Amino acid sequence: MIHKLITRRSSIFEATLVLAAASLISRVFGLVRDRTLFSHFGAGDVLDAYFAAFKIPDFIFNLLILGALSSAFIPIFTEYLKKEGKEEAWSVVNSLVNFGVVLLTGILLLLAIFAPYLTKIIAPGFVGDKHEMVTNLMRVMLLSPFFFGLSNLAGGILNSFKNFLVYAIAPILYNIGIILGVIYLVPRFGYMGLAYGVVLGAFLHMIIQLPGVFALGYRYRMRFNFRHPALRRIATLMIPRTMGIAAQQVSVLVNTVIASTLAVGSVSVLNGADNLQSLPISIFGISFAVAVFPTLAEKYTLQKVGEFKDDFTKTLRQILYLILPMMLLYWLLRAQIVRLAFGAGQFSWEDTRFMVSTLAFFTFGMAAQALIPLLARSFYALQDTKTPFWTSVLTLVVNVAAALLLIPYLKVVGLALAVSLAATINALILFILLRRRLGGLGLRPLWVMAGKILIGIGAMGAMGYGALQIMSLVVNTHTFWGLFLQAGVAATIAGLTYLAVTKKLGLPEVKMIIKPSGLLGDS
């Protein structure tokens, strides 16, 4: 039974449902993780150091691991499965594993040696003990990309076989590992327990996915065929994607550098608000994109361009239908969301106000950030990694320029607005270029849909705001449960209003909620 569960192929509908549900659970654990962190330490020196130390391991993970898998490995591995058979496909995996372990180990050791100098680059505003904390945390956290490398390769294999269950569960275990670190390791090892928790979470992320890969027939072989033609093709596709991710990660690092020069707690507030806004992006953006990606890659391999366009357009519409009302809901309930997520322990009222303002400006780019994973993966499915690279470079320029212009007036809030502006420009350019590449995508139906969504959003905003005000007179919003009840009732009324209005307007995407079997069809 377990073997069938971990090797079973999923339809796009099932994959999206599994990924979205698991993403929601993972993000809930992520909120518990962040609440635990902020309640233990507040938005102060320790969390500033913790979030800053994350940047280099995250940079390596996104640059060398996520880039290869999201843009290059899955399309090439899928092609080998379809055309060459499993044995040759497993040969590609072994060559990639051996090459990757050697390369990654060498890079991580070098980074650990030069960690003090890297700290000066990513957090120039941190000195003394705070600088030392970042360095110590970073050196331990550099173990996590090694585990994530093997984990994400395993996840890429599972995705290629259209098996998403175990892949979807892995991030939940990662967050659990960090939570355990805060609760059990920090009391024993001090602030270094935070780093040990990160490594524990990365190990759990890896270990749960490996049995599924072996169940599919993979067997490790110590083969060092670094001249395998598939590796060359993966490298060719990966290089532009890696450079594009480098541009994105430089944006993140620049934001951290700037935040480190602002008031104490700015790095923590920026990361906390970003984690809050990433919840709907992960559920409604990344889950859909990851689920449809293997199908898009398969359709391109078989040269079924019409079906490729249909799957892309359907997924795009569904993301828009879900993320646009979520933008309004986040903006409407921004204070309640921050207070519920972090309003405990050492997290002060001043920290709360600081993060509420930052989250408000993050919401402006939420739709764009939810669409970018689908748009980028559509290019990757076409085995084109150069276009997303150039748009990432443009995004970097816009983000840095906007940040430098805005921070004198808005401080850390200006960083959030800069991210939103850059993401919006990135998404628009990617859509325009993809439409041209595919020989056109019907814009009129999308404009009609957007108009109907705006009507639904207007109605839900009015009803949600009214419910929010009424509930503030009924419950004590200075308590957790009073605040939870106020936000819950307002969100429920707003959501039901949106469903009712868009159903009345005839939007087929309503079936995702009312009749889930309509989600992405049964392909």
Protein backbone atom coordinates (compact mmCIF):
# COMPACT_ATOMS: atom_id res chain seq x y z
CA MET A 1 0.00 0.00 0.00
CA ILE A 2 2.82 2.42 0.93
CA HIS A 3 4.65 1.53 -2.30
CA LYS A 4 1.56 2.36 -4.34
CA LEU A 5 1.08 5.62 -2.47
CA ILE A 6 4.59 6.92 -3.12
CA THR A 7 4.75 5.80 -6.77
CA ARG A 8 1.21 6.67 -7.88
CA ARG A 9 0.92 9.18 -10.75
CA SER A 10 -1.32 12.18 -10.17
CA SER A 11 -3.46 14.15 -12.58
CA ILE A 12 -2.93 17.92 -12.72
CA PHE A 13 -6.03 18.33 -10.57
CA GLU A 14 -4.81 15.88 -7.93
CA ALA A 15 -1.28 17.31 -8.01
CA THR A 16 -2.50 20.86 -7.53
CA LEU A 17 -4.84 19.82 -4.73
CA VAL A 18 -2.08 17.89 -2.93
CA LEU A 19 0.48 20.66 -3.37
CA ALA A 20 -1.93 23.41 -2.34
CA ALA A 21 -3.12 21.51 0.75
CA ALA A 22 0.43 20.58 1.78
CA SER A 23 1.60 24.13 1.08
CA LEU A 24 -1.15 25.48 3.33
CA ILE A 25 -0.16 23.09 6.13
CA SER A 26 3.50 23.91 5.62
CA ARG A 27 2.81 27.65 5.72
CA VAL A 28 0.75 27.23 8.88
CA PHE A 29 3.75 25.50 10.43
CA GLY A 30 5.84 28.33 8.99
CA LEU A 31 3.68 30.86 10.82
CA VAL A 32 4.02 28.79 14.00
CA ARG A 33 7.77 28.77 13.39
CA ASP A 34 7.92 32.55 12.95
CA ARG A 35 5.61 33.19 15.89
CA THR A 36 7.85 30.99 18.03
CA LEU A 37 10.93 32.86 16.81
CA PHE A 38 9.50 36.34 17.33
CA SER A 39 7.94 35.51 20.70
CA HIS A 40 11.26 34.11 21.95
CA PHE A 41 13.54 36.83 20.61
CA GLY A 42 11.44 39.79 19.39
CA ALA A 43 12.50 41.86 16.38
CA GLY A 44 16.01 42.39 17.73
CA ASP A 45 19.67 41.48 17.33
CA VAL A 46 19.38 37.67 17.48
CA LEU A 47 16.67 37.43 14.82
CA ASP A 48 18.40 40.04 12.68
CA ALA A 49 21.52 37.83 12.79
CA TYR A 50 19.48 34.66 12.15
CA PHE A 51 17.72 36.02 9.06
CA ALA A 52 20.94 37.56 7.73
CA ALA A 53 22.80 34.26 8.17
CA PHE A 54 20.12 32.56 6.08
CA LYS A 55 20.96 34.61 2.99
CA ILE A 56 24.12 32.84 1.83
CA PRO A 57 22.79 29.25 2.25
CA ASP A 58 19.57 30.36 0.52
CA PHE A 59 21.63 31.99 -2.23
CA ILE A 60 23.53 28.75 -2.88
CA PHE A 61 20.37 26.66 -2.76
CA ASN A 62 18.50 28.87 -5.21
CA LEU A 63 21.49 29.41 -7.46
CA LEU A 64 22.89 25.90 -7.88
CA ILE A 65 20.04 23.60 -6.88
CA LEU A 66 16.62 25.12 -7.49
CA GLY A 67 17.79 26.65 -10.78
CA ALA A 68 18.93 23.35 -12.23
CA LEU A 69 15.83 21.43 -11.19
CA SER A 70 13.16 24.00 -12.05
CA SER A 71 14.56 24.89 -15.44
CA ALA A 72 16.71 22.08 -16.74
CA PHE A 73 16.51 18.71 -14.99
CA ILE A 74 12.79 17.95 -15.26
CA PRO A 75 12.44 18.71 -19.02
CA ILE A 76 15.60 16.72 -19.88
CA PHE A 77 14.82 13.83 -17.51
CA THR A 78 11.25 13.68 -18.88
CA GLU A 79 12.59 13.56 -22.43
CA TYR A 80 14.96 10.69 -21.57
CA LEU A 81 12.12 8.77 -19.89
CA LYS A 82 9.93 9.18 -22.98
CA LYS A 83 12.55 8.54 -25.64
CA GLU A 84 15.45 6.57 -24.11
CA GLY A 85 13.83 4.56 -21.31
CA LYS A 86 14.30 4.33 -17.55
CA GLU A 87 17.78 2.81 -17.54
CA GLU A 88 19.31 5.71 -19.44
CA ALA A 89 17.29 8.19 -17.39
CA TRP A 90 18.70 6.71 -14.16
CA SER A 91 22.17 7.00 -15.66
CA VAL A 92 21.56 10.73 -16.06
CA VAL A 93 20.53 10.94 -12.39
CA ASN A 94 23.67 9.14 -11.15
CA SER A 95 25.94 11.34 -13.22
CA LEU A 96 24.19 14.42 -11.86
CA VAL A 97 24.30 13.18 -8.25
CA ASN A 98 28.03 12.46 -8.32
CA PHE A 99 28.95 15.67 -10.08
CA GLY A 100 26.66 17.70 -7.82
CA VAL A 101 28.02 16.23 -4.57
CA VAL A 102 31.63 16.98 -5.54
CA LEU A 103 30.84 20.51 -6.73
CA LEU A 104 28.55 21.44 -3.85
CA THR A 105 30.87 20.08 -1.15
CA GLY A 106 33.76 22.14 -2.46
CA ILE A 107 31.71 25.33 -2.68
CA LEU A 108 30.20 24.96 0.80
CA LEU A 109 33.62 24.36 2.39
CA LEU A 110 35.00 27.51 0.77
CA LEU A 111 32.02 29.54 1.91
CA ALA A 112 32.42 28.27 5.49
CA ILE A 113 36.07 29.38 5.47
CA PHE A 114 35.22 32.86 4.19
CA ALA A 115 32.04 33.27 6.28
CA PRO A 116 33.37 36.28 8.27
CA TYR A 117 34.00 38.20 5.05
CA LEU A 118 30.60 37.22 3.63
CA THR A 119 28.98 38.56 6.79
CA LYS A 120 30.58 41.95 6.15
CA ILE A 121 29.07 41.93 2.66
CA ILE A 122 25.51 40.90 3.49
CA ALA A 123 25.22 42.78 6.79
CA PRO A 124 27.67 45.70 6.78
CA GLY A 125 25.66 47.40 9.51
CA PHE A 126 26.30 44.54 11.98
CA VAL A 127 29.40 44.85 14.16
CA GLY A 128 30.92 43.13 17.18
CA ASP A 129 28.90 40.30 18.71
CA LYS A 130 26.15 40.68 16.10
CA HIS A 131 28.68 40.13 13.28
CA GLU A 132 30.04 37.07 15.09
CA MET A 133 26.53 35.65 15.54
CA VAL A 134 25.85 35.87 11.80
CA THR A 135 29.16 34.15 10.99
CA ASN A 136 28.62 31.29 13.46
CA LEU A 137 25.03 30.70 12.36
CA MET A 138 25.96 30.82 8.68
CA ARG A 139 28.70 28.20 8.99
CA VAL A 140 26.32 25.63 10.45
CA MET A 141 23.45 26.54 8.11
CA LEU A 142 25.72 25.89 5.11
CA LEU A 143 25.06 22.17 5.71
CA SER A 144 21.44 22.68 4.67
CA PRO A 145 22.09 23.24 0.91
CA PHE A 146 23.82 19.83 0.77
CA PHE A 147 20.73 18.06 2.10
CA PHE A 148 18.45 20.26 0.00
CA GLY A 149 20.47 19.38 -3.10
CA LEU A 150 19.75 15.66 -2.75
CA SER A 151 16.22 16.37 -1.57
CA ASN A 152 15.28 18.55 -4.51
CA LEU A 153 16.81 16.16 -7.03
CA ALA A 154 14.64 13.45 -5.49
CA GLY A 155 11.66 15.81 -5.70
CA GLY A 156 12.41 16.55 -9.35
CA ILE A 157 12.38 12.81 -10.11
CA LEU A 158 9.07 12.34 -8.27
CA ASN A 159 7.57 15.30 -10.14
CA SER A 160 8.74 13.88 -13.48
CA PHE A 161 6.77 10.73 -12.67
CA LYS A 162 3.86 13.03 -11.69
CA ASN A 163 4.01 11.90 -8.10
CA PHE A 164 3.67 14.89 -5.78
CA LEU A 165 2.53 13.59 -2.39
CA VAL A 166 5.87 13.04 -0.64
CA TYR A 167 7.37 16.06 -2.39
CA ALA A 168 4.53 18.16 -0.95
CA ILE A 169 5.01 16.83 2.60
CA ALA A 170 8.75 17.60 2.74
CA PRO A 171 8.46 21.37 3.45
CA ILE A 172 6.22 20.61 6.42
CA LEU A 173 9.00 18.55 8.00
CA TYR A 174 11.48 21.33 7.29
CA ASN A 175 9.42 23.80 9.30
CA ILE A 176 8.93 21.24 12.08
CA GLY A 177 12.71 20.85 12.28
CA ILE A 178 13.17 24.60 12.80
CA ILE A 179 10.39 24.72 15.41
CA LEU A 180 12.04 21.86 17.31
CA GLY A 181 15.29 23.78 17.14
CA VAL A 182 13.73 26.85 18.78
CA ILE A 183 11.91 24.87 21.48
CA TYR A 184 14.46 22.18 22.36
CA LEU A 185 17.87 23.14 20.94
CA VAL A 186 18.02 26.87 21.78
CA PRO A 187 17.65 26.23 25.55
CA ARG A 188 20.57 23.80 25.33
CA PHE A 189 22.89 25.43 22.77
CA GLY A 190 21.85 29.08 22.92
CA TYR A 191 21.29 30.97 19.67
CA MET A 192 23.24 28.26 17.76
CA GLY A 193 20.25 25.99 18.34
CA LEU A 194 18.52 28.03 15.61
CA ALA A 195 21.12 26.87 13.06
CA TYR A 196 20.96 23.25 14.24
CA GLY A 197 17.18 23.35 13.78
CA VAL A 198 17.59 24.56 10.18
CA VAL A 199 19.97 21.69 9.40
CA LEU A 200 17.62 19.19 11.09
CA GLY A 201 14.73 20.48 8.98
CA ALA A 202 16.77 20.19 5.75
CA PHE A 203 17.74 16.60 6.65
CA LEU A 204 14.08 15.68 7.26
CA HIS A 205 13.17 17.38 3.95
CA MET A 206 15.60 15.01 2.22
CA ILE A 207 15.07 11.75 4.06
CA ILE A 208 11.31 11.57 3.45
CA GLN A 209 11.69 11.77 -0.35
CA LEU A 210 14.44 9.20 -0.92
CA PRO A 211 12.25 6.06 -0.39
CA GLY A 212 9.88 7.23 -3.14
CA VAL A 213 12.75 7.55 -5.62
CA PHE A 214 14.10 4.09 -4.82
CA ALA A 215 10.57 2.67 -5.09
CA LEU A 216 10.41 4.00 -8.66
CA GLY A 217 13.43 1.87 -9.58
CA TYR A 218 16.41 4.15 -8.98
CA ARG A 219 19.65 2.57 -7.76
CA TYR A 220 22.73 4.59 -6.92
CA ARG A 221 25.86 3.90 -8.95
CA MET A 222 29.22 5.59 -8.40
CA ARG A 223 29.57 6.67 -12.03
CA PHE A 224 31.46 9.81 -12.92
CA ASN A 225 30.42 10.30 -16.52
CA PHE A 226 30.74 14.07 -16.45
CA ARG A 227 30.65 14.10 -20.26
CA HIS A 228 27.20 12.59 -20.43
CA PRO A 229 25.29 14.51 -23.15
CA ALA A 230 22.36 15.06 -20.80
CA LEU A 231 24.63 16.84 -18.30
CA ARG A 232 25.85 19.15 -21.04
CA ARG A 233 22.27 19.95 -22.03
CA ILE A 234 21.27 20.49 -18.39
CA ALA A 235 24.27 22.80 -17.95
CA THR A 236 23.36 24.69 -21.14
CA LEU A 237 19.82 25.28 -19.91
CA MET A 238 20.93 25.86 -16.34
CA ILE A 239 23.47 28.62 -16.97
CA PRO A 240 20.96 31.33 -17.99
CA ARG A 241 18.56 30.19 -15.26
CA THR A 242 21.36 30.27 -12.70
CA MET A 243 22.30 33.78 -13.78
CA GLY A 244 18.64 34.80 -13.56
CA ILE A 245 18.35 33.40 -10.05
CA ALA A 246 21.61 35.16 -9.18
CA ALA A 247 19.96 38.43 -10.19
CA GLN A 248 16.92 37.62 -8.02
CA GLN A 249 19.09 36.62 -5.07
CA VAL A 250 21.23 39.73 -5.43
CA SER A 251 17.98 41.69 -5.03
CA VAL A 252 17.31 39.82 -1.78
CA LEU A 253 20.86 40.38 -0.57
CA VAL A 254 20.73 44.07 -1.47
CA ASN A 255 17.50 44.43 0.52
CA THR A 256 19.19 42.73 3.49
CA VAL A 257 22.26 44.95 3.17
CA ILE A 258 20.09 48.07 3.12
CA ALA A 259 17.89 46.85 5.99
CA SER A 260 20.98 46.12 8.11
CA THR A 261 21.86 49.83 7.97
CA LEU A 262 18.41 50.91 9.18
CA ALA A 263 16.87 50.68 12.66
CA VAL A 264 17.42 47.56 14.78
CA GLY A 265 14.82 44.96 13.84
CA SER A 266 14.50 46.07 10.19
CA VAL A 267 15.92 42.79 8.81
CA SER A 268 13.55 40.80 11.04
CA VAL A 269 10.51 42.90 10.10
CA LEU A 270 11.28 42.65 6.38
CA ASN A 271 11.65 38.86 6.56
CA GLY A 272 8.60 38.41 8.80
CA ALA A 273 6.33 40.44 6.49
CA ASP A 274 7.74 38.63 3.44
CA ASN A 275 7.00 35.26 5.03
CA LEU A 276 3.41 36.34 5.72
CA GLN A 277 2.75 37.48 2.16
CA SER A 278 4.41 34.36 0.73
CA LEU A 279 1.68 32.11 2.15
CA PRO A 280 -0.96 32.77 -0.56
CA ILE A 281 1.78 33.05 -3.20
CA SER A 282 2.94 29.55 -2.32
CA ILE A 283 -0.55 28.07 -2.18
CA PHE A 284 -2.07 29.72 -5.25
CA GLY A 285 1.03 30.46 -7.32
CA ILE A 286 3.82 27.97 -6.77
CA SER A 287 1.53 24.95 -6.21
CA PHE A 288 -0.26 25.47 -9.53
CA ALA A 289 2.99 26.13 -11.39
CA VAL A 290 4.77 23.07 -9.99
CA ALA A 291 1.77 20.83 -10.69
CA VAL A 292 1.37 21.87 -14.33
CA PHE A 293 5.10 22.10 -15.16
CA PRO A 294 5.73 18.39 -15.99
CA THR A 295 2.63 18.41 -18.21
CA LEU A 296 3.78 21.55 -20.04
CA ALA A 297 7.23 20.00 -20.55
CA GLU A 298 5.61 16.82 -21.88
CA LYS A 299 3.31 18.77 -24.23
CA TYR A 300 6.29 20.65 -25.68
CA THR A 301 8.28 17.42 -26.09
CA LEU A 302 5.35 15.97 -28.07
CA GLN A 303 4.90 19.29 -29.94
CA LYS A 304 1.29 19.72 -28.79
CA VAL A 305 1.42 23.52 -28.78
CA GLY A 306 -2.35 24.00 -28.75
CA GLU A 307 -2.73 21.86 -25.62
CA PHE A 308 0.26 23.67 -24.08
CA LYS A 309 -1.52 27.02 -24.54
CA ASP A 310 -4.79 25.64 -23.17
CA ASP A 311 -3.14 24.29 -20.01
CA PHE A 312 -1.22 27.51 -19.49
CA THR A 313 -4.25 29.77 -19.96
CA LYS A 314 -6.45 27.64 -17.70
CA THR A 315 -3.84 27.69 -14.94
CA LEU A 316 -3.28 31.43 -15.34
CA ARG A 317 -6.99 32.15 -14.97
CA GLN A 318 -7.26 30.03 -11.86
CA ILE A 319 -4.29 31.68 -10.18
CA LEU A 320 -5.74 35.13 -10.93
CA TYR A 321 -9.16 34.12 -9.63
CA LEU A 322 -7.68 33.06 -6.30
CA ILE A 323 -4.83 35.52 -5.73
CA LEU A 324 -6.57 38.82 -6.58
CA PRO A 325 -9.20 38.60 -3.80
CA MET A 326 -6.45 37.38 -1.46
CA MET A 327 -4.54 40.61 -2.14
CA LEU A 328 -7.52 42.66 -0.98
CA LEU A 329 -8.13 40.41 2.02
CA TYR A 330 -4.51 40.72 3.12
CA TRP A 331 -4.62 44.49 2.80
CA LEU A 332 -7.94 44.68 4.66
CA LEU A 333 -6.81 42.41 7.51
CA ARG A 334 -3.10 43.31 7.57
CA ALA A 335 -3.13 44.48 11.21
CA GLN A 336 -5.07 41.42 12.38
CA ILE A 337 -2.78 39.07 10.42
CA VAL A 338 0.41 40.51 11.94
CA ARG A 339 -0.99 40.61 15.47
CA LEU A 340 -2.28 37.03 15.25
CA ALA A 341 0.94 35.71 13.71
CA PHE A 342 3.52 37.48 15.85
CA GLY A 343 1.80 39.41 18.65
CA ALA A 344 3.22 37.51 21.60
CA GLY A 345 6.15 37.49 24.00
CA GLN A 346 8.97 39.88 23.07
CA PHE A 347 7.23 41.16 19.91
CA SER A 348 6.32 44.73 20.86
CA TRP A 349 3.54 47.05 19.68
CA GLU A 350 6.14 49.14 17.85
CA ASP A 351 7.33 45.98 16.05
CA THR A 352 3.70 45.27 15.13
CA ARG A 353 3.10 48.70 13.61
CA PHE A 354 6.38 48.45 11.73
CA MET A 355 5.47 45.08 10.20
CA VAL A 356 1.85 46.03 9.40
CA SER A 357 3.06 48.89 7.20
CA THR A 358 5.64 46.66 5.50
CA LEU A 359 3.07 43.93 4.81
CA ALA A 360 0.66 46.49 3.31
CA PHE A 361 3.19 47.40 0.61
CA PHE A 362 4.09 43.77 -0.04
CA THR A 363 0.44 43.06 -0.92
CA PHE A 364 0.63 45.32 -3.98
CA GLY A 365 2.93 42.84 -5.74
CA MET A 366 1.27 39.66 -4.51
CA ALA A 367 -0.53 38.83 -7.79
CA ALA A 368 2.62 39.35 -9.84
CA GLN A 369 4.68 37.17 -7.52
CA ALA A 370 2.05 34.43 -7.75
CA LEU A 371 2.11 34.48 -11.56
CA ILE A 372 5.89 34.59 -12.06
CA PRO A 373 6.45 30.88 -11.17
CA LEU A 374 3.94 29.81 -13.87
CA LEU A 375 5.28 32.26 -16.45
CA ALA A 376 8.90 31.29 -15.83
CA ARG A 377 8.19 27.55 -15.85
CA SER A 378 6.32 27.93 -19.12
CA PHE A 379 9.55 29.19 -20.67
CA TYR A 380 11.50 26.38 -19.02
CA ALA A 381 9.06 23.84 -20.48
CA LEU A 382 9.89 25.38 -23.88
CA GLN A 383 13.57 24.80 -22.93
CA ASP A 384 14.15 28.54 -22.97
CA THR A 385 15.95 29.77 -19.85
CA LYS A 386 17.43 32.92 -21.40
CA THR A 387 14.23 34.98 -21.43
CA PRO A 388 13.52 34.65 -17.69
CA PHE A 389 17.18 35.49 -17.09
CA TRP A 390 16.98 38.84 -18.86
CA THR A 391 13.74 39.74 -17.13
CA SER A 392 15.39 38.87 -13.79
CA VAL A 393 18.25 41.25 -14.57
CA LEU A 394 15.76 44.00 -15.36
CA THR A 395 13.91 43.21 -12.12
CA LEU A 396 17.16 43.52 -10.18
CA VAL A 397 17.82 46.97 -11.65
CA VAL A 398 14.27 48.13 -10.92
CA ASN A 399 14.32 46.71 -7.38
CA VAL A 400 17.63 48.30 -6.42
CA ALA A 401 16.83 51.66 -8.03
CA ALA A 402 13.37 51.81 -6.43
CA ALA A 403 14.76 50.78 -3.04
CA LEU A 404 17.43 53.49 -3.08
CA LEU A 405 14.84 56.10 -4.09
CA LEU A 406 12.24 55.06 -1.52
CA ILE A 407 14.13 54.22 1.68
CA PRO A 408 14.99 57.85 2.54
CA TYR A 409 11.23 58.47 2.84
CA LEU A 410 9.73 55.08 3.76
CA LYS A 411 12.65 53.19 5.40
CA VAL A 412 12.10 49.41 5.41
CA VAL A 413 8.57 49.89 4.02
CA GLY A 414 10.20 51.30 0.90
CA LEU A 415 12.03 47.98 0.41
CA ALA A 416 8.68 46.15 0.36
CA LEU A 417 7.27 48.59 -2.20
CA ALA A 418 10.40 48.22 -4.35
CA VAL A 419 9.95 44.42 -4.36
CA SER A 420 6.31 44.80 -5.41
CA LEU A 421 7.11 47.20 -8.25
CA ALA A 422 9.90 44.99 -9.59
CA ALA A 423 7.74 41.84 -9.46
CA THR A 424 4.89 43.54 -11.32
CA ILE A 425 7.19 44.67 -14.13
CA ASN A 426 8.76 41.19 -14.32
CA ALA A 427 5.39 39.44 -14.62
CA LEU A 428 4.10 41.83 -17.29
CA ILE A 429 7.18 41.45 -19.47
CA LEU A 430 7.22 37.65 -19.12
CA PHE A 431 3.55 37.45 -20.13
CA ILE A 432 4.05 39.68 -23.18
CA LEU A 433 7.07 37.70 -24.36
CA LEU A 434 5.40 34.31 -23.76
CA ARG A 435 2.33 35.42 -25.68
CA ARG A 436 4.56 36.37 -28.59
CA ARG A 437 6.51 33.09 -28.34
CA LEU A 438 3.33 30.97 -28.45
CA GLY A 439 1.85 32.87 -31.37
CA GLY A 440 -0.81 34.62 -29.33
CA LEU A 441 -2.95 34.05 -26.27
CA GLY A 442 -6.56 35.22 -26.21
CA LEU A 443 -6.55 38.52 -24.31
CA ARG A 444 -10.24 39.38 -24.60
CA PRO A 445 -11.42 36.50 -22.35
CA LEU A 446 -8.78 37.51 -19.79
CA TRP A 447 -9.93 41.15 -19.80
CA VAL A 448 -13.55 40.07 -19.39
CA MET A 449 -12.55 37.79 -16.52
CA ALA A 450 -10.51 40.58 -14.89
CA GLY A 451 -13.51 42.92 -15.05
CA LYS A 452 -15.76 40.37 -13.36
CA ILE A 453 -13.14 39.69 -10.69
CA LEU A 454 -12.87 43.41 -9.95
CA ILE A 455 -16.64 43.59 -9.45
CA GLY A 456 -16.43 40.63 -7.08
CA ILE A 457 -13.50 42.18 -5.23
CA GLY A 458 -15.34 45.48 -4.84
CA ALA A 459 -18.32 43.71 -3.29
CA MET A 460 -16.19 41.54 -1.00
CA GLY A 461 -14.18 44.57 0.14
CA ALA A 462 -17.29 46.49 1.15
CA MET A 463 -18.80 43.52 2.99
CA GLY A 464 -15.51 42.56 4.62
CA TYR A 465 -14.85 46.08 5.87
CA GLY A 466 -18.37 46.35 7.25
CA ALA A 467 -18.02 43.02 9.06
CA LEU A 468 -14.65 44.10 10.45
CA GLN A 469 -16.11 47.26 11.94
CA ILE A 470 -19.17 45.51 13.38
CA MET A 471 -17.05 42.77 14.97
CA SER A 472 -14.79 45.38 16.60
CA LEU A 473 -17.87 46.48 18.57
CA VAL A 474 -18.84 42.93 19.50
CA VAL A 475 -15.55 41.30 20.58
CA ASN A 476 -12.53 42.36 22.59
CA THR A 477 -9.83 42.77 19.93
CA HIS A 478 -7.12 43.10 22.59
CA THR A 479 -7.26 39.33 23.13
CA PHE A 480 -6.02 36.64 20.73
CA TRP A 481 -9.39 34.90 20.39
CA GLY A 482 -11.30 38.16 20.03
CA LEU A 483 -8.95 39.23 17.26
CA PHE A 484 -9.15 35.78 15.67
CA LEU A 485 -12.96 35.90 15.72
CA GLN A 486 -13.03 39.39 14.23
CA ALA A 487 -10.67 38.46 11.40
CA GLY A 488 -12.32 35.07 10.82
CA VAL A 489 -15.85 36.46 10.52
CA ALA A 490 -14.73 39.32 8.25
CA ALA A 491 -12.73 36.96 6.01
CA THR A 492 -15.60 34.46 5.81
CA ILE A 493 -18.18 37.09 4.87
CA ALA A 494 -15.80 38.65 2.34
CA GLY A 495 -14.97 35.26 0.80
CA LEU A 496 -18.60 34.14 0.52
CA THR A 497 -19.50 37.49 -1.06
CA TYR A 498 -16.76 37.04 -3.65
CA LEU A 499 -17.93 33.52 -4.46
CA ALA A 500 -21.56 34.57 -4.75
CA VAL A 501 -20.85 37.56 -7.00
CA THR A 502 -18.42 35.75 -9.32
CA LYS A 503 -20.79 32.77 -9.54
CA LYS A 504 -23.58 35.15 -10.53
CA LEU A 505 -21.27 36.67 -13.16
CA GLY A 506 -20.64 33.21 -14.61
CA LEU A 507 -16.94 32.73 -13.96
CA PRO A 508 -16.14 29.03 -14.46
CA GLU A 509 -13.29 29.19 -11.93
CA VAL A 510 -15.89 29.23 -9.15
CA LYS A 511 -16.08 25.46 -9.68
CA MET A 512 -12.63 25.15 -8.06
CA ILE A 513 -14.28 26.06 -4.76
CA ILE A 514 -17.85 24.84 -5.17
CA LYS A 515 -17.06 21.80 -7.29
CA PRO A 516 -13.35 20.94 -6.91
CA SER A 517 -13.44 18.30 -9.66
CA GLY A 518 -13.46 21.21 -12.09
CA LEU A 519 -9.94 22.19 -11.05
CA LEU A 520 -7.70 22.09 -14.10
CA GLY A 521 -9.94 19.53 -15.71
CA ASP A 522 -8.96 15.87 -15.46
CA SER A 523 -5.84 15.99 -17.55
